[in-house]
Amino acid sequence: MHWHALCFGNDLGGLVLLRDCKGVLMDQFQALLECEGNWTGSNRIQTTPTDTIQESISRLAVTPILNRTFLRIDQEWSWEGQPQSGSFLIGYSQESKQASVHWIDSWHNGVRVMPLVGGFENTGEGKCMLVVNGTFPVEPGVDWGWRITFQFYGEQLKIDMVCLPPEGFPEVGWVWSEFKRI
């Protein structure tokens, strides 16, 4: 049986507690762990503001691992008819209130792992969100970045990604994925 997390405004000194459908209080990482299972939805990618949005069917498998101390999210989608996949490994420190994510991806990252860090935010709309940021090298020049948000509420899970250019460059690269539990 899965319990589905809903955000309520029980903010206790920076720790937002959530109630599952049985009314049990839990922290935000625990609520994210409760997204365990299989999900289906859509993946939309726009590489520049003038490019057409490419949309494909997408699937997620959300798996708590190592005694529920980490969460692995595996995603499949396609780009121009070619299958793609990626994974997020998410950990969370209760002491520092910091999340760490390692992201691998067949389309965005090639053969490298991108580390990202961040934390949970309560959106005030009955939703919770994990927001993480990381950078990648661009030769020659200044590093670029990614900001990834994981929103989870009830039977919906949303992952949004934006590529963050150095200051003075135009924004490029967006990914929007929305899922419902299977």
N, C-alpha and C. Protein backbone atom coordinates (compact mmCIF):
# COMPACT_ATOMS: atom_id res chain seq x y z
N MET A 1 0.84 -1.17 0.00
CA MET A 1 0.00 0.00 0.00
C MET A 1 0.89 1.23 0.00
N HIS A 2 0.57 2.21 -0.83
CA HIS A 2 1.32 3.45 -0.91
C HIS A 2 0.56 4.56 -0.23
N TRP A 3 1.28 5.40 0.50
CA TRP A 3 0.69 6.60 1.08
C TRP A 3 1.09 7.76 0.21
N HIS A 4 0.18 8.65 -0.05
CA HIS A 4 0.44 9.74 -0.97
C HIS A 4 0.58 11.03 -0.20
N ALA A 5 1.67 11.72 -0.44
CA ALA A 5 2.00 12.91 0.34
C ALA A 5 1.24 14.13 -0.15
N LEU A 6 0.79 14.91 0.79
CA LEU A 6 0.20 16.21 0.52
C LEU A 6 0.87 17.22 1.42
N CYS A 7 1.18 18.38 0.92
CA CYS A 7 1.80 19.41 1.75
C CYS A 7 0.73 20.21 2.47
N PHE A 8 0.93 20.38 3.74
CA PHE A 8 0.13 21.30 4.54
C PHE A 8 1.11 22.24 5.21
N GLY A 9 0.68 23.36 5.68
CA GLY A 9 1.59 24.39 6.17
C GLY A 9 2.13 24.19 7.57
N ASN A 10 2.56 23.02 7.94
CA ASN A 10 3.10 22.77 9.27
C ASN A 10 4.60 23.04 9.29
N ASP A 11 4.98 24.29 9.21
CA ASP A 11 6.39 24.67 9.14
C ASP A 11 6.93 24.81 10.56
N LEU A 12 7.85 23.92 10.91
CA LEU A 12 8.43 23.92 12.26
C LEU A 12 9.90 24.28 12.17
N GLY A 13 10.22 25.55 12.22
CA GLY A 13 11.61 25.97 12.20
C GLY A 13 12.35 25.53 10.96
N GLY A 14 11.75 25.67 9.80
CA GLY A 14 12.43 25.31 8.56
C GLY A 14 12.12 23.91 8.08
N LEU A 15 11.56 23.05 8.94
CA LEU A 15 11.20 21.70 8.53
C LEU A 15 9.71 21.69 8.26
N VAL A 16 9.35 21.54 7.02
CA VAL A 16 7.93 21.47 6.67
C VAL A 16 7.51 20.02 6.77
N LEU A 17 6.55 19.75 7.65
CA LEU A 17 6.04 18.40 7.80
C LEU A 17 4.83 18.22 6.90
N LEU A 18 4.66 17.00 6.42
CA LEU A 18 3.56 16.68 5.53
C LEU A 18 2.68 15.64 6.19
N ARG A 19 1.45 15.58 5.76
CA ARG A 19 0.55 14.52 6.22
C ARG A 19 0.25 13.62 5.03
N ASP A 20 0.37 12.30 5.26
CA ASP A 20 -0.03 11.38 4.21
C ASP A 20 -1.54 11.22 4.26
N CYS A 21 -2.09 10.35 3.43
CA CYS A 21 -3.55 10.24 3.35
C CYS A 21 -4.17 9.68 4.61
N LYS A 22 -3.37 9.11 5.51
CA LYS A 22 -3.88 8.64 6.79
C LYS A 22 -3.66 9.67 7.89
N GLY A 23 -3.11 10.82 7.54
CA GLY A 23 -2.91 11.87 8.53
C GLY A 23 -1.60 11.78 9.29
N VAL A 24 -0.71 10.87 8.90
CA VAL A 24 0.57 10.70 9.59
C VAL A 24 1.54 11.79 9.14
N LEU A 25 2.20 12.45 10.10
CA LEU A 25 3.19 13.48 9.76
C LEU A 25 4.47 12.83 9.27
N MET A 26 5.09 13.44 8.27
CA MET A 26 6.38 12.97 7.77
C MET A 26 7.15 14.17 7.24
N ASP A 27 8.48 14.00 7.10
CA ASP A 27 9.26 15.10 6.53
C ASP A 27 9.19 15.03 5.00
N GLN A 28 9.75 16.04 4.36
CA GLN A 28 9.62 16.16 2.90
C GLN A 28 10.33 15.04 2.15
N PHE A 29 11.50 14.61 2.63
CA PHE A 29 12.18 13.53 1.93
C PHE A 29 11.37 12.24 2.04
N GLN A 30 10.82 11.99 3.22
CA GLN A 30 9.96 10.82 3.39
C GLN A 30 8.78 10.89 2.41
N ALA A 31 8.21 12.08 2.25
CA ALA A 31 7.10 12.25 1.31
C ALA A 31 7.55 11.94 -0.12
N LEU A 32 8.76 12.36 -0.48
CA LEU A 32 9.28 12.05 -1.81
C LEU A 32 9.48 10.54 -1.97
N LEU A 33 9.95 9.86 -0.91
CA LEU A 33 10.09 8.41 -0.95
C LEU A 33 8.76 7.73 -1.23
N GLU A 34 7.68 8.33 -0.77
CA GLU A 34 6.35 7.75 -0.96
C GLU A 34 5.88 7.83 -2.41
N CYS A 35 6.67 8.44 -3.28
CA CYS A 35 6.37 8.43 -4.71
C CYS A 35 6.79 7.11 -5.35
N GLU A 36 7.25 6.18 -4.54
CA GLU A 36 7.70 4.87 -5.02
C GLU A 36 6.67 4.26 -5.98
N GLY A 37 7.18 3.71 -7.07
CA GLY A 37 6.31 3.03 -8.02
C GLY A 37 6.56 3.47 -9.44
N ASN A 38 5.66 3.08 -10.32
CA ASN A 38 5.78 3.38 -11.74
C ASN A 38 4.82 4.50 -12.12
N TRP A 39 5.31 5.35 -13.02
CA TRP A 39 4.58 6.54 -13.44
C TRP A 39 4.63 6.63 -14.96
N THR A 40 3.64 7.25 -15.57
CA THR A 40 3.64 7.49 -17.01
C THR A 40 3.21 8.92 -17.28
N GLY A 41 3.71 9.47 -18.38
CA GLY A 41 3.36 10.86 -18.70
C GLY A 41 4.02 11.32 -19.97
N SER A 42 4.36 12.61 -20.00
CA SER A 42 4.95 13.20 -21.19
C SER A 42 6.24 13.93 -20.84
N ASN A 43 7.12 14.00 -21.82
CA ASN A 43 8.38 14.72 -21.70
C ASN A 43 8.43 15.71 -22.86
N ARG A 44 8.62 16.99 -22.54
CA ARG A 44 8.69 18.03 -23.58
C ARG A 44 10.04 18.73 -23.47
N ILE A 45 10.70 18.90 -24.60
CA ILE A 45 12.02 19.54 -24.65
C ILE A 45 11.98 20.68 -25.66
N GLN A 46 12.52 21.82 -25.24
CA GLN A 46 12.70 22.96 -26.15
C GLN A 46 14.14 23.42 -25.98
N THR A 47 14.94 23.28 -27.03
CA THR A 47 16.37 23.57 -26.90
C THR A 47 16.71 25.05 -26.99
N THR A 48 15.90 25.84 -27.68
CA THR A 48 16.07 27.30 -27.72
C THR A 48 14.68 27.93 -27.75
N PRO A 49 14.57 29.23 -27.43
CA PRO A 49 13.26 29.87 -27.43
C PRO A 49 12.53 29.82 -28.77
N THR A 50 13.26 29.71 -29.87
CA THR A 50 12.62 29.70 -31.19
C THR A 50 12.38 28.28 -31.73
N ASP A 51 12.92 27.26 -31.06
CA ASP A 51 12.72 25.88 -31.52
C ASP A 51 11.33 25.37 -31.15
N THR A 52 10.84 24.46 -31.96
CA THR A 52 9.58 23.78 -31.68
C THR A 52 9.77 22.86 -30.47
N ILE A 53 8.76 22.77 -29.62
CA ILE A 53 8.81 21.86 -28.48
C ILE A 53 8.63 20.44 -29.00
N GLN A 54 9.58 19.57 -28.64
CA GLN A 54 9.52 18.15 -28.99
C GLN A 54 8.89 17.40 -27.83
N GLU A 55 7.82 16.65 -28.08
CA GLU A 55 7.12 15.93 -27.01
C GLU A 55 7.16 14.43 -27.27
N SER A 56 7.31 13.68 -26.19
CA SER A 56 7.28 12.22 -26.29
C SER A 56 6.63 11.64 -25.04
N ILE A 57 6.21 10.39 -25.17
CA ILE A 57 5.72 9.66 -24.00
C ILE A 57 6.92 9.37 -23.12
N SER A 58 6.71 9.41 -21.81
CA SER A 58 7.79 9.18 -20.86
C SER A 58 7.32 8.26 -19.74
N ARG A 59 8.25 7.50 -19.20
CA ARG A 59 7.96 6.62 -18.07
C ARG A 59 8.99 6.86 -16.98
N LEU A 60 8.52 6.72 -15.75
CA LEU A 60 9.39 6.83 -14.58
C LEU A 60 9.25 5.58 -13.73
N ALA A 61 10.35 5.17 -13.15
CA ALA A 61 10.34 4.17 -12.08
C ALA A 61 11.00 4.85 -10.88
N VAL A 62 10.27 4.97 -9.78
CA VAL A 62 10.77 5.62 -8.57
C VAL A 62 11.02 4.53 -7.54
N THR A 63 12.29 4.41 -7.09
CA THR A 63 12.68 3.30 -6.24
C THR A 63 13.49 3.77 -5.04
N PRO A 64 12.95 3.63 -3.82
CA PRO A 64 13.78 3.88 -2.63
C PRO A 64 14.84 2.77 -2.53
N ILE A 65 16.07 3.13 -2.17
CA ILE A 65 17.15 2.14 -2.05
C ILE A 65 17.91 2.35 -0.74
N LEU A 66 18.75 1.38 -0.41
CA LEU A 66 19.61 1.42 0.78
C LEU A 66 18.80 1.77 2.03
N ASN A 67 17.81 0.93 2.32
CA ASN A 67 16.96 1.11 3.51
C ASN A 67 16.24 2.45 3.50
N ARG A 68 15.84 2.89 2.30
CA ARG A 68 15.06 4.13 2.13
C ARG A 68 15.85 5.38 2.51
N THR A 69 17.18 5.32 2.43
CA THR A 69 17.99 6.50 2.69
C THR A 69 18.29 7.29 1.41
N PHE A 70 18.07 6.66 0.26
CA PHE A 70 18.23 7.30 -1.03
C PHE A 70 17.04 6.95 -1.91
N LEU A 71 16.85 7.76 -2.93
CA LEU A 71 15.78 7.51 -3.90
C LEU A 71 16.38 7.54 -5.29
N ARG A 72 16.04 6.53 -6.09
CA ARG A 72 16.50 6.50 -7.48
C ARG A 72 15.28 6.71 -8.39
N ILE A 73 15.41 7.63 -9.32
CA ILE A 73 14.36 7.89 -10.31
C ILE A 73 14.94 7.58 -11.68
N ASP A 74 14.37 6.60 -12.36
CA ASP A 74 14.80 6.23 -13.71
C ASP A 74 13.74 6.68 -14.70
N GLN A 75 14.17 7.39 -15.75
CA GLN A 75 13.24 7.94 -16.73
C GLN A 75 13.59 7.46 -18.13
N GLU A 76 12.56 7.15 -18.92
CA GLU A 76 12.71 6.82 -20.34
C GLU A 76 11.84 7.77 -21.15
N TRP A 77 12.35 8.21 -22.29
CA TRP A 77 11.62 9.08 -23.21
C TRP A 77 12.29 8.95 -24.57
N SER A 78 11.90 9.76 -25.53
CA SER A 78 12.58 9.72 -26.83
C SER A 78 12.82 11.13 -27.34
N TRP A 79 13.82 11.25 -28.18
CA TRP A 79 14.15 12.51 -28.84
C TRP A 79 14.27 12.20 -30.33
N GLU A 80 13.43 12.85 -31.14
CA GLU A 80 13.40 12.64 -32.58
C GLU A 80 13.36 11.15 -32.93
N GLY A 81 12.52 10.41 -32.19
CA GLY A 81 12.31 8.99 -32.44
C GLY A 81 13.35 8.06 -31.85
N GLN A 82 14.40 8.59 -31.23
CA GLN A 82 15.45 7.76 -30.65
C GLN A 82 15.23 7.60 -29.15
N PRO A 83 15.25 6.35 -28.64
CA PRO A 83 15.05 6.14 -27.20
C PRO A 83 16.16 6.81 -26.38
N GLN A 84 15.76 7.39 -25.26
CA GLN A 84 16.69 8.05 -24.33
C GLN A 84 16.37 7.58 -22.91
N SER A 85 17.33 7.73 -22.02
CA SER A 85 17.09 7.37 -20.62
C SER A 85 17.99 8.20 -19.72
N GLY A 86 17.58 8.27 -18.46
CA GLY A 86 18.36 9.00 -17.47
C GLY A 86 17.98 8.55 -16.08
N SER A 87 18.82 8.87 -15.12
CA SER A 87 18.57 8.50 -13.72
C SER A 87 19.01 9.62 -12.80
N PHE A 88 18.25 9.76 -11.72
CA PHE A 88 18.60 10.66 -10.62
C PHE A 88 18.77 9.80 -9.38
N LEU A 89 19.85 10.02 -8.65
CA LEU A 89 20.04 9.41 -7.33
C LEU A 89 19.97 10.55 -6.33
N ILE A 90 18.98 10.49 -5.43
CA ILE A 90 18.69 11.61 -4.53
C ILE A 90 18.93 11.18 -3.09
N GLY A 91 19.71 11.98 -2.37
CA GLY A 91 19.91 11.81 -0.93
C GLY A 91 19.55 13.09 -0.20
N TYR A 92 19.32 12.98 1.10
CA TYR A 92 18.92 14.16 1.86
C TYR A 92 19.47 14.08 3.28
N SER A 93 20.12 15.15 3.71
CA SER A 93 20.66 15.24 5.07
C SER A 93 19.67 16.00 5.95
N GLN A 94 19.12 15.33 6.95
CA GLN A 94 18.22 16.00 7.89
C GLN A 94 18.96 17.10 8.65
N GLU A 95 20.23 16.87 8.97
CA GLU A 95 20.99 17.83 9.76
C GLU A 95 21.21 19.15 9.02
N SER A 96 21.65 19.06 7.78
CA SER A 96 21.96 20.28 7.02
C SER A 96 20.76 20.77 6.20
N LYS A 97 19.71 19.95 6.11
CA LYS A 97 18.53 20.28 5.29
C LYS A 97 18.93 20.45 3.83
N GLN A 98 19.94 19.69 3.40
CA GLN A 98 20.43 19.80 2.03
C GLN A 98 20.24 18.48 1.28
N ALA A 99 19.75 18.60 0.06
CA ALA A 99 19.61 17.44 -0.82
C ALA A 99 20.81 17.39 -1.76
N SER A 100 21.24 16.18 -2.06
CA SER A 100 22.29 16.00 -3.07
C SER A 100 21.73 15.04 -4.13
N VAL A 101 21.99 15.37 -5.38
CA VAL A 101 21.48 14.59 -6.49
C VAL A 101 22.62 14.31 -7.45
N HIS A 102 22.69 13.09 -7.94
CA HIS A 102 23.61 12.75 -9.03
C HIS A 102 22.75 12.38 -10.23
N TRP A 103 23.03 13.05 -11.35
CA TRP A 103 22.21 12.90 -12.55
C TRP A 103 23.05 12.33 -13.67
N ILE A 104 22.58 11.23 -14.26
CA ILE A 104 23.18 10.68 -15.48
C ILE A 104 22.08 10.63 -16.54
N ASP A 105 22.48 10.76 -17.80
CA ASP A 105 21.47 10.94 -18.84
C ASP A 105 22.09 10.67 -20.20
N SER A 106 21.42 9.90 -21.03
CA SER A 106 21.97 9.56 -22.35
C SER A 106 21.94 10.72 -23.33
N TRP A 107 21.10 11.72 -23.11
CA TRP A 107 20.97 12.81 -24.07
C TRP A 107 21.64 14.09 -23.60
N HIS A 108 21.52 14.44 -22.33
CA HIS A 108 22.05 15.70 -21.82
C HIS A 108 23.52 15.62 -21.39
N ASN A 109 23.90 14.56 -20.71
CA ASN A 109 25.19 14.52 -20.01
C ASN A 109 26.25 13.63 -20.63
N GLY A 110 25.93 12.84 -21.62
CA GLY A 110 26.94 11.96 -22.20
C GLY A 110 27.44 10.95 -21.18
N VAL A 111 28.77 10.92 -20.97
CA VAL A 111 29.36 9.92 -20.08
C VAL A 111 29.71 10.49 -18.71
N ARG A 112 29.26 11.70 -18.41
CA ARG A 112 29.63 12.28 -17.11
C ARG A 112 28.42 12.33 -16.18
N VAL A 113 28.71 12.35 -14.90
CA VAL A 113 27.70 12.51 -13.85
C VAL A 113 27.64 13.99 -13.49
N MET A 114 26.45 14.53 -13.35
CA MET A 114 26.32 15.92 -12.89
C MET A 114 25.84 15.91 -11.45
N PRO A 115 26.66 16.42 -10.53
CA PRO A 115 26.19 16.58 -9.15
C PRO A 115 25.39 17.87 -9.01
N LEU A 116 24.29 17.80 -8.26
CA LEU A 116 23.45 18.96 -8.00
C LEU A 116 23.15 19.00 -6.51
N VAL A 117 22.95 20.18 -5.96
CA VAL A 117 22.59 20.33 -4.55
C VAL A 117 21.44 21.32 -4.42
N GLY A 118 20.72 21.21 -3.32
CA GLY A 118 19.61 22.12 -3.09
C GLY A 118 18.80 21.70 -1.89
N GLY A 119 17.52 21.99 -1.92
CA GLY A 119 16.67 21.67 -0.79
C GLY A 119 15.20 21.70 -1.16
N PHE A 120 14.37 21.43 -0.16
CA PHE A 120 12.92 21.39 -0.34
C PHE A 120 12.31 22.76 -0.13
N GLU A 121 11.26 23.03 -0.87
CA GLU A 121 10.49 24.26 -0.72
C GLU A 121 9.02 23.91 -0.65
N ASN A 122 8.28 24.63 0.17
CA ASN A 122 6.83 24.49 0.19
C ASN A 122 6.29 25.59 -0.70
N THR A 123 5.57 25.22 -1.75
CA THR A 123 5.10 26.21 -2.72
C THR A 123 3.90 27.00 -2.21
N GLY A 124 3.32 26.57 -1.10
CA GLY A 124 2.15 27.27 -0.57
C GLY A 124 0.88 26.95 -1.33
N GLU A 125 0.94 26.02 -2.26
CA GLU A 125 -0.21 25.64 -3.06
C GLU A 125 -0.60 24.20 -2.80
N GLY A 126 -0.24 23.67 -1.62
CA GLY A 126 -0.52 22.27 -1.35
C GLY A 126 0.44 21.33 -2.05
N LYS A 127 1.56 21.87 -2.53
CA LYS A 127 2.55 21.07 -3.25
C LYS A 127 3.90 21.25 -2.59
N CYS A 128 4.72 20.22 -2.72
CA CYS A 128 6.10 20.30 -2.25
C CYS A 128 7.02 20.22 -3.45
N MET A 129 8.20 20.80 -3.31
CA MET A 129 9.12 20.86 -4.43
C MET A 129 10.55 20.72 -3.91
N LEU A 130 11.31 19.86 -4.58
CA LEU A 130 12.75 19.76 -4.36
C LEU A 130 13.41 20.54 -5.48
N VAL A 131 14.27 21.51 -5.14
CA VAL A 131 14.96 22.35 -6.12
C VAL A 131 16.46 22.12 -5.97
N VAL A 132 17.13 21.71 -7.05
CA VAL A 132 18.57 21.47 -7.02
C VAL A 132 19.23 22.16 -8.21
N ASN A 133 20.50 22.53 -8.03
CA ASN A 133 21.28 23.21 -9.06
C ASN A 133 22.64 22.54 -9.21
N GLY A 134 23.13 22.50 -10.45
CA GLY A 134 24.46 21.97 -10.71
C GLY A 134 25.05 22.66 -11.93
N THR A 135 26.34 22.46 -12.15
CA THR A 135 27.02 23.10 -13.28
C THR A 135 27.74 22.06 -14.13
N PHE A 136 28.04 22.47 -15.37
CA PHE A 136 28.83 21.63 -16.26
C PHE A 136 29.79 22.52 -17.04
N PRO A 137 30.98 22.00 -17.38
CA PRO A 137 31.97 22.82 -18.08
C PRO A 137 31.61 23.00 -19.55
N VAL A 138 31.89 24.19 -20.05
CA VAL A 138 31.76 24.50 -21.48
C VAL A 138 33.12 25.07 -21.90
N GLU A 139 33.78 24.38 -22.80
CA GLU A 139 35.12 24.79 -23.22
C GLU A 139 35.08 25.62 -24.49
N PRO A 140 35.86 26.64 -24.64
CA PRO A 140 36.48 27.36 -23.54
C PRO A 140 35.44 28.32 -22.95
N GLY A 141 35.55 28.57 -21.70
CA GLY A 141 34.63 29.54 -21.13
C GLY A 141 34.14 29.20 -19.75
N VAL A 142 33.10 29.89 -19.37
CA VAL A 142 32.52 29.80 -18.04
C VAL A 142 31.54 28.63 -17.99
N ASP A 143 31.46 27.97 -16.83
CA ASP A 143 30.52 26.87 -16.65
C ASP A 143 29.08 27.32 -16.85
N TRP A 144 28.28 26.42 -17.36
CA TRP A 144 26.83 26.59 -17.47
C TRP A 144 26.20 25.75 -16.36
N GLY A 145 24.90 25.83 -16.21
CA GLY A 145 24.25 25.07 -15.14
C GLY A 145 22.89 24.52 -15.53
N TRP A 146 22.37 23.72 -14.62
CA TRP A 146 21.00 23.22 -14.70
C TRP A 146 20.32 23.46 -13.37
N ARG A 147 19.06 23.86 -13.42
CA ARG A 147 18.20 23.89 -12.23
C ARG A 147 17.09 22.88 -12.50
N ILE A 148 16.94 21.94 -11.58
CA ILE A 148 15.94 20.88 -11.73
C ILE A 148 15.00 20.95 -10.54
N THR A 149 13.71 20.93 -10.82
CA THR A 149 12.71 20.91 -9.75
C THR A 149 11.88 19.64 -9.86
N PHE A 150 11.66 19.03 -8.70
CA PHE A 150 10.80 17.86 -8.58
C PHE A 150 9.60 18.28 -7.75
N GLN A 151 8.42 18.33 -8.34
CA GLN A 151 7.20 18.66 -7.61
C GLN A 151 6.39 17.39 -7.45
N PHE A 152 5.91 17.16 -6.23
CA PHE A 152 5.15 15.94 -5.98
C PHE A 152 3.97 16.26 -5.10
N TYR A 153 2.83 15.75 -5.51
CA TYR A 153 1.59 16.01 -4.79
C TYR A 153 0.56 14.98 -5.23
N GLY A 154 0.03 14.27 -4.25
CA GLY A 154 -0.99 13.27 -4.55
C GLY A 154 -0.52 12.27 -5.58
N GLU A 155 -1.28 12.14 -6.64
CA GLU A 155 -0.97 11.18 -7.70
C GLU A 155 -0.24 11.82 -8.87
N GLN A 156 0.37 12.99 -8.66
CA GLN A 156 1.09 13.66 -9.74
C GLN A 156 2.54 13.93 -9.34
N LEU A 157 3.41 13.83 -10.32
CA LEU A 157 4.83 14.11 -10.14
C LEU A 157 5.27 14.91 -11.36
N LYS A 158 6.00 15.98 -11.13
CA LYS A 158 6.44 16.86 -12.22
C LYS A 158 7.93 17.12 -12.06
N ILE A 159 8.67 17.03 -13.15
CA ILE A 159 10.10 17.33 -13.15
C ILE A 159 10.33 18.40 -14.22
N ASP A 160 10.81 19.57 -13.79
CA ASP A 160 11.12 20.66 -14.72
C ASP A 160 12.62 20.92 -14.66
N MET A 161 13.19 21.19 -15.83
CA MET A 161 14.62 21.44 -15.92
C MET A 161 14.85 22.68 -16.78
N VAL A 162 15.78 23.52 -16.37
CA VAL A 162 16.14 24.67 -17.19
C VAL A 162 17.67 24.77 -17.22
N CYS A 163 18.20 24.98 -18.42
CA CYS A 163 19.63 25.17 -18.59
C CYS A 163 19.95 26.62 -18.24
N LEU A 164 20.94 26.82 -17.40
CA LEU A 164 21.29 28.15 -16.91
C LEU A 164 22.61 28.61 -17.54
N PRO A 165 22.55 29.54 -18.48
CA PRO A 165 23.77 30.04 -19.10
C PRO A 165 24.49 31.01 -18.17
N PRO A 166 25.76 31.30 -18.45
CA PRO A 166 26.46 32.33 -17.68
C PRO A 166 25.76 33.68 -17.86
N GLU A 167 26.02 34.58 -16.94
CA GLU A 167 25.43 35.92 -17.02
C GLU A 167 25.74 36.56 -18.36
N GLY A 168 24.74 37.18 -18.95
CA GLY A 168 24.92 37.86 -20.23
C GLY A 168 24.54 37.02 -21.44
N PHE A 169 24.31 35.71 -21.24
CA PHE A 169 23.89 34.84 -22.33
C PHE A 169 22.38 34.66 -22.26
N PRO A 170 21.72 34.45 -23.40
CA PRO A 170 20.28 34.21 -23.37
C PRO A 170 19.96 32.83 -22.79
N GLU A 171 18.78 32.71 -22.16
CA GLU A 171 18.35 31.41 -21.64
C GLU A 171 18.15 30.45 -22.79
N VAL A 172 18.55 29.22 -22.58
CA VAL A 172 18.33 28.16 -23.56
C VAL A 172 18.08 26.85 -22.83
N GLY A 173 17.29 26.00 -23.41
CA GLY A 173 17.14 24.64 -22.94
C GLY A 173 16.16 24.45 -21.80
N TRP A 174 15.01 23.89 -22.13
CA TRP A 174 14.00 23.60 -21.12
C TRP A 174 13.49 22.18 -21.31
N VAL A 175 13.20 21.53 -20.20
CA VAL A 175 12.57 20.21 -20.22
C VAL A 175 11.44 20.23 -19.21
N TRP A 176 10.26 19.80 -19.63
CA TRP A 176 9.12 19.72 -18.73
C TRP A 176 8.58 18.29 -18.81
N SER A 177 8.45 17.63 -17.67
CA SER A 177 7.91 16.27 -17.64
C SER A 177 6.81 16.21 -16.59
N GLU A 178 5.69 15.63 -16.95
CA GLU A 178 4.57 15.48 -16.02
C GLU A 178 4.13 14.02 -16.03
N PHE A 179 3.85 13.50 -14.82
CA PHE A 179 3.54 12.08 -14.68
C PHE A 179 2.36 11.85 -13.76
N LYS A 180 1.69 10.72 -14.01
CA LYS A 180 0.65 10.22 -13.11
C LYS A 180 1.02 8.80 -12.76
N ARG A 181 0.69 8.41 -11.54
CA ARG A 181 1.01 7.06 -11.09
C ARG A 181 0.22 6.03 -11.91
N ILE A 182 0.91 4.95 -12.26
CA ILE A 182 0.25 3.85 -12.99
C ILE A 182 -0.47 2.98 -11.97
